[in-house]
Amino acid sequence: QVMNEIMEQCNITPLEMDFIRLLGCSDFAYEYEDSGI
């Protein structure tokens, strides 16, 4: 549901969302304050 909401709000495809989700699981995502994805 969260992924679908993001795809709708940001006009991105499921493949693009999958890439962002995978990047969000990287060793660096959210590691540092204000680093984000």
Full PDB file with SEQRES, HELIX, SHEET, SSBOND, CRYST1, ORIGX, SCALE, CONECT and MASTER records, all heavy atoms in Angstrom:
SEQRES   1 A   37  GLN VAL MET ASN GLU ILE MET GLU GLN CYS ASN ILE THR          
SEQRES   2 A   37  PRO LEU GLU MET ASP PHE ILE ARG LEU LEU GLY CYS SER          
SEQRES   3 A   37  ASP PHE ALA TYR GLU TYR GLU ASP SER GLY ILE                  
HELIX    1 AA1 VAL A    2  CYS A   10  1                                   9    
HELIX    2 AA2 PRO A   14  GLY A   24  1                                  11    
CRYST1    1.000    1.000    1.000  90.00  90.00  90.00 P 1           1          
ORIGX1      1.000000  0.000000  0.000000        0.00000                         
ORIGX2      0.000000  1.000000  0.000000        0.00000                         
ORIGX3      0.000000  0.000000  1.000000        0.00000                         
SCALE1      1.000000  0.000000  0.000000        0.00000                         
SCALE2      0.000000  1.000000  0.000000        0.00000                         
SCALE3      0.000000  0.000000  1.000000        0.00000                         
ATOM      1  N   GLN A   1       0.834  -1.208   0.000  1.00  0.00           N  
ATOM      2  CA  GLN A   1       0.000   0.000   0.000  1.00  0.00           C  
ATOM      3  C   GLN A   1       0.867   1.255   0.000  1.00  0.00           C  
ATOM      4  O   GLN A   1       0.566   2.224  -0.702  1.00  0.00           O  
ATOM      5  CB  GLN A   1      -0.919   0.017   1.223  1.00  0.00           C  
ATOM      6  CG  GLN A   1      -2.027  -0.997   1.178  1.00  0.00           C  
ATOM      7  CD  GLN A   1      -2.790  -1.013   2.487  1.00  0.00           C  
ATOM      8  OE1 GLN A   1      -2.214  -1.234   3.541  1.00  0.00           O  
ATOM      9  NE2 GLN A   1      -4.090  -0.761   2.405  1.00  0.00           N  
ATOM     10  N   VAL A   2       1.942   1.220   0.796  1.00  0.00           N  
ATOM     11  CA  VAL A   2       2.860   2.362   0.841  1.00  0.00           C  
ATOM     12  C   VAL A   2       3.518   2.556  -0.523  1.00  0.00           C  
ATOM     13  O   VAL A   2       3.603   3.675  -1.028  1.00  0.00           O  
ATOM     14  CB  VAL A   2       3.928   2.153   1.942  1.00  0.00           C  
ATOM     15  CG1 VAL A   2       5.001   3.233   1.871  1.00  0.00           C  
ATOM     16  CG2 VAL A   2       3.277   2.131   3.318  1.00  0.00           C  
ATOM     17  N   MET A   3       3.984   1.470  -1.135  1.00  0.00           N  
ATOM     18  CA  MET A   3       4.621   1.555  -2.453  1.00  0.00           C  
ATOM     19  C   MET A   3       3.644   2.086  -3.497  1.00  0.00           C  
ATOM     20  O   MET A   3       3.995   2.944  -4.313  1.00  0.00           O  
ATOM     21  CB  MET A   3       5.156   0.188  -2.887  1.00  0.00           C  
ATOM     22  CG  MET A   3       6.152  -0.444  -1.954  1.00  0.00           C  
ATOM     23  SD  MET A   3       7.611   0.571  -1.694  1.00  0.00           S  
ATOM     24  CE  MET A   3       8.318  -0.257  -0.284  1.00  0.00           C  
ATOM     25  N   ASN A   4       2.407   1.600  -3.456  1.00  0.00           N  
ATOM     26  CA  ASN A   4       1.397   2.077  -4.417  1.00  0.00           C  
ATOM     27  C   ASN A   4       1.114   3.564  -4.240  1.00  0.00           C  
ATOM     28  O   ASN A   4       0.968   4.297  -5.216  1.00  0.00           O  
ATOM     29  CB  ASN A   4       0.099   1.283  -4.269  1.00  0.00           C  
ATOM     30  CG  ASN A   4       0.225  -0.137  -4.779  1.00  0.00           C  
ATOM     31  OD1 ASN A   4       1.128  -0.470  -5.541  1.00  0.00           O  
ATOM     32  ND2 ASN A   4      -0.674  -0.996  -4.335  1.00  0.00           N  
ATOM     33  N   GLU A   5       1.048   4.011  -2.990  1.00  0.00           N  
ATOM     34  CA  GLU A   5       0.813   5.437  -2.722  1.00  0.00           C  
ATOM     35  C   GLU A   5       1.953   6.291  -3.267  1.00  0.00           C  
ATOM     36  O   GLU A   5       1.721   7.329  -3.894  1.00  0.00           O  
ATOM     37  CB  GLU A   5       0.670   5.653  -1.213  1.00  0.00           C  
ATOM     38  CG  GLU A   5       0.376   7.077  -0.838  1.00  0.00           C  
ATOM     39  CD  GLU A   5       0.248   7.252   0.671  1.00  0.00           C  
ATOM     40  OE1 GLU A   5      -0.472   6.453   1.299  1.00  0.00           O  
ATOM     41  OE2 GLU A   5       0.884   8.175   1.203  1.00  0.00           O  
ATOM     42  N   ILE A   6       3.185   5.844  -3.053  1.00  0.00           N  
ATOM     43  CA  ILE A   6       4.345   6.578  -3.573  1.00  0.00           C  
ATOM     44  C   ILE A   6       4.323   6.608  -5.093  1.00  0.00           C  
ATOM     45  O   ILE A   6       4.554   7.660  -5.702  1.00  0.00           O  
ATOM     46  CB  ILE A   6       5.657   5.958  -3.042  1.00  0.00           C  
ATOM     47  CG1 ILE A   6       5.795   6.215  -1.540  1.00  0.00           C  
ATOM     48  CG2 ILE A   6       6.867   6.520  -3.802  1.00  0.00           C  
ATOM     49  CD1 ILE A   6       6.931   5.464  -0.884  1.00  0.00           C  
ATOM     50  N   MET A   7       4.038   5.463  -5.719  1.00  0.00           N  
ATOM     51  CA  MET A   7       4.005   5.413  -7.182  1.00  0.00           C  
ATOM     52  C   MET A   7       2.958   6.377  -7.734  1.00  0.00           C  
ATOM     53  O   MET A   7       3.209   7.074  -8.722  1.00  0.00           O  
ATOM     54  CB  MET A   7       3.735   3.987  -7.672  1.00  0.00           C  
ATOM     55  CG  MET A   7       4.917   3.066  -7.504  1.00  0.00           C  
ATOM     56  SD  MET A   7       4.711   1.434  -8.265  1.00  0.00           S  
ATOM     57  CE  MET A   7       3.394   0.734  -7.289  1.00  0.00           C  
ATOM     58  N   GLU A   8       1.808   6.439  -7.079  1.00  0.00           N  
ATOM     59  CA  GLU A   8       0.744   7.334  -7.540  1.00  0.00           C  
ATOM     60  C   GLU A   8       1.114   8.805  -7.327  1.00  0.00           C  
ATOM     61  O   GLU A   8       0.973   9.630  -8.234  1.00  0.00           O  
ATOM     62  CB  GLU A   8      -0.559   7.021  -6.803  1.00  0.00           C  
ATOM     63  CG  GLU A   8      -1.723   7.863  -7.278  1.00  0.00           C  
ATOM     64  CD  GLU A   8      -3.006   7.491  -6.560  1.00  0.00           C  
ATOM     65  OE1 GLU A   8      -3.266   6.286  -6.390  1.00  0.00           O  
ATOM     66  OE2 GLU A   8      -3.729   8.419  -6.167  1.00  0.00           O  
ATOM     67  N   GLN A   9       1.602   9.147  -6.151  1.00  0.00           N  
ATOM     68  CA  GLN A   9       1.936  10.532  -5.820  1.00  0.00           C  
ATOM     69  C   GLN A   9       3.103  11.067  -6.648  1.00  0.00           C  
ATOM     70  O   GLN A   9       3.145  12.251  -6.971  1.00  0.00           O  
ATOM     71  CB  GLN A   9       2.267  10.663  -4.332  1.00  0.00           C  
ATOM     72  CG  GLN A   9       1.094  10.443  -3.418  1.00  0.00           C  
ATOM     73  CD  GLN A   9       0.040  11.528  -3.570  1.00  0.00           C  
ATOM     74  OE1 GLN A   9       0.344  12.702  -3.698  1.00  0.00           O  
ATOM     75  NE2 GLN A   9      -1.219  11.116  -3.567  1.00  0.00           N  
ATOM     76  N   CYS A  10       4.062  10.201  -6.960  1.00  0.00           N  
ATOM     77  CA  CYS A  10       5.289  10.647  -7.645  1.00  0.00           C  
ATOM     78  C   CYS A  10       5.335  10.257  -9.114  1.00  0.00           C  
ATOM     79  O   CYS A  10       6.330  10.524  -9.791  1.00  0.00           O  
ATOM     80  CB  CYS A  10       6.504  10.087  -6.918  1.00  0.00           C  
ATOM     81  SG  CYS A  10       6.616  10.639  -5.214  1.00  0.00           S  
ATOM     82  N   ASN A  11       4.273   9.618  -9.603  1.00  0.00           N  
ATOM     83  CA  ASN A  11       4.194   9.222 -11.004  1.00  0.00           C  
ATOM     84  C   ASN A  11       5.394   8.379 -11.438  1.00  0.00           C  
ATOM     85  O   ASN A  11       6.081   8.703 -12.412  1.00  0.00           O  
ATOM     86  CB  ASN A  11       4.041  10.455 -11.901  1.00  0.00           C  
ATOM     87  CG  ASN A  11       3.629  10.078 -13.308  1.00  0.00           C  
ATOM     88  OD1 ASN A  11       2.938   9.073 -13.506  1.00  0.00           O  
ATOM     89  ND2 ASN A  11       4.058  10.867 -14.277  1.00  0.00           N  
ATOM     90  N   ILE A  12       5.654   7.313 -10.681  1.00  0.00           N  
ATOM     91  CA  ILE A  12       6.739   6.406 -11.040  1.00  0.00           C  
ATOM     92  C   ILE A  12       6.178   5.010 -11.276  1.00  0.00           C  
ATOM     93  O   ILE A  12       5.107   4.662 -10.788  1.00  0.00           O  
ATOM     94  CB  ILE A  12       7.859   6.376  -9.975  1.00  0.00           C  
ATOM     95  CG1 ILE A  12       7.333   5.952  -8.613  1.00  0.00           C  
ATOM     96  CG2 ILE A  12       8.551   7.727  -9.888  1.00  0.00           C  
ATOM     97  CD1 ILE A  12       8.419   5.824  -7.554  1.00  0.00           C  
ATOM     98  N   THR A  13       6.932   4.215 -12.031  1.00  0.00           N  
ATOM     99  CA  THR A  13       6.500   2.874 -12.414  1.00  0.00           C  
ATOM    100  C   THR A  13       6.867   1.859 -11.325  1.00  0.00           C  
ATOM    101  O   THR A  13       7.713   2.139 -10.461  1.00  0.00           O  
ATOM    102  CB  THR A  13       7.191   2.449 -13.721  1.00  0.00           C  
ATOM    103  OG1 THR A  13       8.589   2.274 -13.469  1.00  0.00           O  
ATOM    104  CG2 THR A  13       6.974   3.478 -14.828  1.00  0.00           C  
ATOM    105  N   PRO A  14       6.271   0.669 -11.382  1.00  0.00           N  
ATOM    106  CA  PRO A  14       6.656  -0.375 -10.428  1.00  0.00           C  
ATOM    107  C   PRO A  14       8.143  -0.726 -10.501  1.00  0.00           C  
ATOM    108  O   PRO A  14       8.775  -0.989  -9.475  1.00  0.00           O  
ATOM    109  CB  PRO A  14       5.789  -1.575 -10.835  1.00  0.00           C  
ATOM    110  CG  PRO A  14       4.572  -0.955 -11.444  1.00  0.00           C  
ATOM    111  CD  PRO A  14       5.099   0.272 -12.176  1.00  0.00           C  
ATOM    112  N   LEU A  15       8.724  -0.717 -11.691  1.00  0.00           N  
ATOM    113  CA  LEU A  15      10.153  -1.006 -11.837  1.00  0.00           C  
ATOM    114  C   LEU A  15      10.999   0.077 -11.159  1.00  0.00           C  
ATOM    115  O   LEU A  15      11.976  -0.219 -10.471  1.00  0.00           O  
ATOM    116  CB  LEU A  15      10.513  -1.122 -13.320  1.00  0.00           C  
ATOM    117  CG  LEU A  15      11.901  -1.628 -13.663  1.00  0.00           C  
ATOM    118  CD1 LEU A  15      12.122  -3.021 -13.094  1.00  0.00           C  
ATOM    119  CD2 LEU A  15      12.081  -1.652 -15.174  1.00  0.00           C  
ATOM    120  N   GLU A  16      10.602   1.332 -11.323  1.00  0.00           N  
ATOM    121  CA  GLU A  16      11.309   2.434 -10.659  1.00  0.00           C  
ATOM    122  C   GLU A  16      11.154   2.343  -9.142  1.00  0.00           C  
ATOM    123  O   GLU A  16      12.107   2.568  -8.394  1.00  0.00           O  
ATOM    124  CB  GLU A  16      10.789   3.777 -11.172  1.00  0.00           C  
ATOM    125  CG  GLU A  16      11.152   4.033 -12.622  1.00  0.00           C  
ATOM    126  CD  GLU A  16      10.386   5.183 -13.240  1.00  0.00           C  
ATOM    127  OE1 GLU A  16       9.292   5.541 -12.761  1.00  0.00           O  
ATOM    128  OE2 GLU A  16      10.880   5.737 -14.235  1.00  0.00           O  
ATOM    129  N   MET A  17       9.958   1.975  -8.684  1.00  0.00           N  
ATOM    130  CA  MET A  17       9.729   1.830  -7.247  1.00  0.00           C  
ATOM    131  C   MET A  17      10.557   0.690  -6.684  1.00  0.00           C  
ATOM    132  O   MET A  17      11.112   0.794  -5.590  1.00  0.00           O  
ATOM    133  CB  MET A  17       8.232   1.586  -6.994  1.00  0.00           C  
ATOM    134  CG  MET A  17       7.846   1.583  -5.531  1.00  0.00           C  
ATOM    135  SD  MET A  17       8.018   3.217  -4.779  1.00  0.00           S  
ATOM    136  CE  MET A  17       9.135   2.840  -3.450  1.00  0.00           C  
ATOM    137  N   ASP A  18      10.678  -0.391  -7.428  1.00  0.00           N  
ATOM    138  CA  ASP A  18      11.489  -1.526  -6.986  1.00  0.00           C  
ATOM    139  C   ASP A  18      12.953  -1.117  -6.843  1.00  0.00           C  
ATOM    140  O   ASP A  18      13.624  -1.497  -5.888  1.00  0.00           O  
ATOM    141  CB  ASP A  18      11.347  -2.691  -7.969  1.00  0.00           C  
ATOM    142  CG  ASP A  18      11.943  -3.969  -7.438  1.00  0.00           C  
ATOM    143  OD1 ASP A  18      11.703  -4.298  -6.256  1.00  0.00           O  
ATOM    144  OD2 ASP A  18      12.662  -4.642  -8.194  1.00  0.00           O  
ATOM    145  N   PHE A  19      13.447  -0.311  -7.780  1.00  0.00           N  
ATOM    146  CA  PHE A  19      14.821   0.186  -7.694  1.00  0.00           C  
ATOM    147  C   PHE A  19      15.010   1.024  -6.427  1.00  0.00           C  
ATOM    148  O   PHE A  19      15.983   0.853  -5.694  1.00  0.00           O  
ATOM    149  CB  PHE A  19      15.164   1.025  -8.933  1.00  0.00           C  
ATOM    150  CG  PHE A  19      16.477   1.738  -8.835  1.00  0.00           C  
ATOM    151  CD1 PHE A  19      17.663   1.059  -9.063  1.00  0.00           C  
ATOM    152  CD2 PHE A  19      16.530   3.083  -8.504  1.00  0.00           C  
ATOM    153  CE1 PHE A  19      18.884   1.705  -8.960  1.00  0.00           C  
ATOM    154  CE2 PHE A  19      17.741   3.735  -8.395  1.00  0.00           C  
ATOM    155  CZ  PHE A  19      18.919   3.052  -8.630  1.00  0.00           C  
ATOM    156  N   ILE A  20      14.065   1.920  -6.138  1.00  0.00           N  
ATOM    157  CA  ILE A  20      14.165   2.763  -4.941  1.00  0.00           C  
ATOM    158  C   ILE A  20      14.097   1.907  -3.686  1.00  0.00           C  
ATOM    159  O   ILE A  20      14.844   2.131  -2.731  1.00  0.00           O  
ATOM    160  CB  ILE A  20      13.059   3.839  -4.949  1.00  0.00           C  
ATOM    161  CG1 ILE A  20      13.325   4.847  -6.075  1.00  0.00           C  
ATOM    162  CG2 ILE A  20      12.973   4.552  -3.608  1.00  0.00           C  
ATOM    163  CD1 ILE A  20      12.178   5.785  -6.352  1.00  0.00           C  
ATOM    164  N   ARG A  21      13.224   0.913  -3.675  1.00  0.00           N  
ATOM    165  CA  ARG A  21      13.113   0.018  -2.517  1.00  0.00           C  
ATOM    166  C   ARG A  21      14.424  -0.734  -2.290  1.00  0.00           C  
ATOM    167  O   ARG A  21      14.898  -0.840  -1.163  1.00  0.00           O  
ATOM    168  CB  ARG A  21      11.955  -0.967  -2.711  1.00  0.00           C  
ATOM    169  CG  ARG A  21      11.679  -1.828  -1.482  1.00  0.00           C  
ATOM    170  CD  ARG A  21      10.615  -2.867  -1.764  1.00  0.00           C  
ATOM    171  NE  ARG A  21      10.921  -3.735  -2.883  1.00  0.00           N  
ATOM    172  CZ  ARG A  21      11.808  -4.733  -2.846  1.00  0.00           C  
ATOM    173  NH1 ARG A  21      12.486  -4.972  -1.759  1.00  0.00           N  
ATOM    174  NH2 ARG A  21      12.013  -5.478  -3.904  1.00  0.00           N  
ATOM    175  N   LEU A  22      15.025  -1.241  -3.358  1.00  0.00           N  
ATOM    176  CA  LEU A  22      16.307  -1.936  -3.230  1.00  0.00           C  
ATOM    177  C   LEU A  22      17.401  -0.991  -2.746  1.00  0.00           C  
ATOM    178  O   LEU A  22      18.230  -1.363  -1.911  1.00  0.00           O  
ATOM    179  CB  LEU A  22      16.713  -2.569  -4.563  1.00  0.00           C  
ATOM    180  CG  LEU A  22      15.900  -3.773  -5.005  1.00  0.00           C  
ATOM    181  CD1 LEU A  22      16.291  -4.189  -6.417  1.00  0.00           C  
ATOM    182  CD2 LEU A  22      16.083  -4.932  -4.040  1.00  0.00           C  
ATOM    183  N   LEU A  23      17.407   0.226  -3.254  1.00  0.00           N  
ATOM    184  CA  LEU A  23      18.381   1.218  -2.798  1.00  0.00           C  
ATOM    185  C   LEU A  23      18.168   1.525  -1.319  1.00  0.00           C  
ATOM    186  O   LEU A  23      19.123   1.700  -0.564  1.00  0.00           O  
ATOM    187  CB  LEU A  23      18.274   2.488  -3.649  1.00  0.00           C  
ATOM    188  CG  LEU A  23      19.386   3.520  -3.476  1.00  0.00           C  
ATOM    189  CD1 LEU A  23      20.724   2.934  -3.907  1.00  0.00           C  
ATOM    190  CD2 LEU A  23      19.071   4.757  -4.281  1.00  0.00           C  
ATOM    191  N   GLY A  24      16.923   1.548  -0.896  1.00  0.00           N  
ATOM    192  CA  GLY A  24      16.604   1.785   0.509  1.00  0.00           C  
ATOM    193  C   GLY A  24      17.094   0.688   1.433  1.00  0.00           C  
ATOM    194  O   GLY A  24      17.223   0.885   2.638  1.00  0.00           O  
ATOM    195  N   CYS A  25      17.375  -0.470   0.876  1.00  0.00           N  
ATOM    196  CA  CYS A  25      17.893  -1.596   1.668  1.00  0.00           C  
ATOM    197  C   CYS A  25      19.424  -1.654   1.644  1.00  0.00           C  
ATOM    198  O   CYS A  25      20.016  -2.583   2.194  1.00  0.00           O  
ATOM    199  CB  CYS A  25      17.336  -2.910   1.143  1.00  0.00           C  
ATOM    200  SG  CYS A  25      15.554  -3.054   1.336  1.00  0.00           S  
ATOM    201  N   SER A  26      20.062  -0.676   1.015  1.00  0.00           N  
ATOM    202  CA  SER A  26      21.521  -0.684   0.926  1.00  0.00           C  
ATOM    203  C   SER A  26      22.150  -0.361   2.276  1.00  0.00           C  
ATOM    204  O   SER A  26      21.487   0.092   3.199  1.00  0.00           O  
ATOM    205  CB  SER A  26      22.007   0.331  -0.121  1.00  0.00           C  
ATOM    206  OG  SER A  26      21.947   1.640   0.407  1.00  0.00           O  
ATOM    207  N   ASP A  27      23.431  -0.601   2.385  1.00  0.00           N  
ATOM    208  CA  ASP A  27      24.162  -0.364   3.630  1.00  0.00           C  
ATOM    209  C   ASP A  27      24.194   1.102   4.025  1.00  0.00           C  
ATOM    210  O   ASP A  27      24.407   1.424   5.187  1.00  0.00           O  
ATOM    211  CB  ASP A  27      25.603  -0.868   3.508  1.00  0.00           C  
ATOM    212  CG  ASP A  27      25.674  -2.376   3.431  1.00  0.00           C  
ATOM    213  OD1 ASP A  27      24.704  -3.039   3.863  1.00  0.00           O  
ATOM    214  OD2 ASP A  27      26.685  -2.899   2.942  1.00  0.00           O  
ATOM    215  N   PHE A  28      24.012   2.012   3.076  1.00  0.00           N  
ATOM    216  CA  PHE A  28      24.158   3.440   3.345  1.00  0.00           C  
ATOM    217  C   PHE A  28      22.835   4.153   3.583  1.00  0.00           C  
ATOM    218  O   PHE A  28      22.815   5.264   4.099  1.00  0.00           O  
ATOM    219  CB  PHE A  28      24.892   4.127   2.191  1.00  0.00           C  
ATOM    220  CG  PHE A  28      26.294   3.636   2.023  1.00  0.00           C  
ATOM    221  CD1 PHE A  28      26.593   2.649   1.093  1.00  0.00           C  
ATOM    222  CD2 PHE A  28      27.315   4.127   2.814  1.00  0.00           C  
ATOM    223  CE1 PHE A  28      27.884   2.183   0.951  1.00  0.00           C  
ATOM    224  CE2 PHE A  28      28.611   3.653   2.682  1.00  0.00           C  
ATOM    225  CZ  PHE A  28      28.895   2.681   1.746  1.00  0.00           C  
ATOM    226  N   ALA A  29      21.728   3.559   3.195  1.00  0.00           N  
ATOM    227  CA  ALA A  29      20.433   4.213   3.318  1.00  0.00           C  
ATOM    228  C   ALA A  29      20.112   4.491   4.779  1.00  0.00           C  
ATOM    229  O   ALA A  29      20.170   3.597   5.615  1.00  0.00           O  
ATOM    230  CB  ALA A  29      19.347   3.354   2.691  1.00  0.00           C  
ATOM    231  N   TYR A  30      19.826   5.729   5.074  1.00  0.00           N  
ATOM    232  CA  TYR A  30      19.443   6.188   6.406  1.00  0.00           C  
ATOM    233  C   TYR A  30      20.539   5.965   7.454  1.00  0.00           C  
ATOM    234  O   TYR A  30      20.283   6.042   8.644  1.00  0.00           O  
ATOM    235  CB  TYR A  30      18.147   5.507   6.882  1.00  0.00           C  
ATOM    236  CG  TYR A  30      16.948   5.808   6.025  1.00  0.00           C  
ATOM    237  CD1 TYR A  30      16.470   4.871   5.125  1.00  0.00           C  
ATOM    238  CD2 TYR A  30      16.287   7.027   6.120  1.00  0.00           C  
ATOM    239  CE1 TYR A  30      15.360   5.140   4.328  1.00  0.00           C  
ATOM    240  CE2 TYR A  30      15.180   7.302   5.337  1.00  0.00           C  
ATOM    241  CZ  TYR A  30      14.721   6.355   4.443  1.00  0.00           C  
ATOM    242  OH  TYR A  30      13.623   6.612   3.663  1.00  0.00           O  
ATOM    243  N   GLU A  31      21.762   5.678   7.028  1.00  0.00           N  
ATOM    244  CA  GLU A  31      22.835   5.398   7.987  1.00  0.00           C  
ATOM    245  C   GLU A  31      23.259   6.639   8.756  1.00  0.00           C  
ATOM    246  O   GLU A  31      23.567   6.577   9.940  1.00  0.00           O  
ATOM    247  CB  GLU A  31      24.040   4.797   7.270  1.00  0.00           C  
ATOM    248  CG  GLU A  31      25.154   4.412   8.222  1.00  0.00           C  
ATOM    249  CD  GLU A  31      26.279   3.677   7.532  1.00  0.00           C  
ATOM    250  OE1 GLU A  31      26.064   3.062   6.485  1.00  0.00           O  
ATOM    251  OE2 GLU A  31      27.393   3.745   8.053  1.00  0.00           O  
ATOM    252  N   TYR A  32      23.303   7.769   8.079  1.00  0.00           N  
ATOM    253  CA  TYR A  32      23.744   9.006   8.705  1.00  0.00           C  
ATOM    254  C   TYR A  32      22.561   9.949   8.859  1.00  0.00           C  
ATOM    255  O   TYR A  32      21.598   9.876   8.097  1.00  0.00           O  
ATOM    256  CB  TYR A  32      24.836   9.669   7.866  1.00  0.00           C  
ATOM    257  CG  TYR A  32      25.975   8.739   7.564  1.00  0.00           C  
ATOM    258  CD1 TYR A  32      26.136   8.199   6.298  1.00  0.00           C  
ATOM    259  CD2 TYR A  32      26.878   8.383   8.552  1.00  0.00           C  
ATOM    260  CE1 TYR A  32      27.167   7.329   6.024  1.00  0.00           C  
ATOM    261  CE2 TYR A  32      27.914   7.510   8.285  1.00  0.00           C  
ATOM    262  CZ  TYR A  32      28.056   6.983   7.019  1.00  0.00           C  
ATOM    263  OH  TYR A  32      29.068   6.118   6.765  1.00  0.00           O  
ATOM    264  N   GLU A  33      22.646  10.835   9.821  1.00  0.00           N  
ATOM    265  CA  GLU A  33      21.570  11.798  10.033  1.00  0.00           C  
ATOM    266  C   GLU A  33      21.317  12.584   8.753  1.00  0.00           C  
ATOM    267  O   GLU A  33      22.233  13.090   8.119  1.00  0.00           O  
ATOM    268  CB  GLU A  33      21.950  12.768  11.159  1.00  0.00           C  
ATOM    269  CG  GLU A  33      20.850  13.726  11.508  1.00  0.00           C  
ATOM    270  CD  GLU A  33      21.212  14.622  12.684  1.00  0.00           C  
ATOM    271  OE1 GLU A  33      22.164  14.293  13.423  1.00  0.00           O  
ATOM    272  OE2 GLU A  33      20.547  15.640  12.836  1.00  0.00           O  
ATOM    273  N   ASP A  34      20.076  12.649   8.359  1.00  0.00           N  
ATOM    274  CA  ASP A  34      19.636  13.353   7.154  1.00  0.00           C  
ATOM    275  C   ASP A  34      20.198  12.778   5.855  1.00  0.00           C  
ATOM    276  O   ASP A  34      20.189  13.451   4.831  1.00  0.00           O  
ATOM    277  CB  ASP A  34      19.969  14.855   7.231  1.00  0.00           C  
ATOM    278  CG  ASP A  34      19.256  15.533   8.388  1.00  0.00           C  
ATOM    279  OD1 ASP A  34      18.112  15.150   8.677  1.00  0.00           O  
ATOM    280  OD2 ASP A  34      19.853  16.444   8.989  1.00  0.00           O  
ATOM    281  N   SER A  35      20.707  11.541   5.881  1.00  0.00           N  
ATOM    282  CA  SER A  35      21.241  10.970   4.644  1.00  0.00           C  
ATOM    283  C   SER A  35      20.140  10.469   3.729  1.00  0.00           C  
ATOM    284  O   SER A  35      20.298  10.440   2.522  1.00  0.00           O  
ATOM    285  CB  SER A  35      22.217   9.831   4.944  1.00  0.00           C  
ATOM    286  OG  SER A  35      21.547   8.734   5.539  1.00  0.00           O  
ATOM    287  N   GLY A  36      19.023  10.056   4.298  1.00  0.00           N  
ATOM    288  CA  GLY A  36      17.924   9.572   3.473  1.00  0.00           C  
ATOM    289  C   GLY A  36      18.270   8.290   2.751  1.00  0.00           C  
ATOM    290  O   GLY A  36      19.030   7.464   3.247  1.00  0.00           O  
ATOM    291  N   ILE A  37      17.713   8.124   1.572  1.00  0.00           N  
ATOM    292  CA  ILE A  37      17.943   6.919   0.777  1.00  0.00           C  
ATOM    293  C   ILE A  37      19.092   7.197  -0.176  1.00  0.00           C  
ATOM    294  O   ILE A  37      18.994   8.041  -1.058  1.00  0.00           O  
ATOM    295  CB  ILE A  37      16.684   6.534  -0.014  1.00  0.00           C  
ATOM    296  CG1 ILE A  37      15.515   6.282   0.943  1.00  0.00           C  
ATOM    297  CG2 ILE A  37      16.945   5.301  -0.862  1.00  0.00           C  
ATOM    298  CD1 ILE A  37      14.188   6.084   0.246  1.00  0.00           C  
TER     299      ILE A  37                                                      
MASTER        0    0    0    2    0    0    0    6  298    1    0    3          
END                                                                             
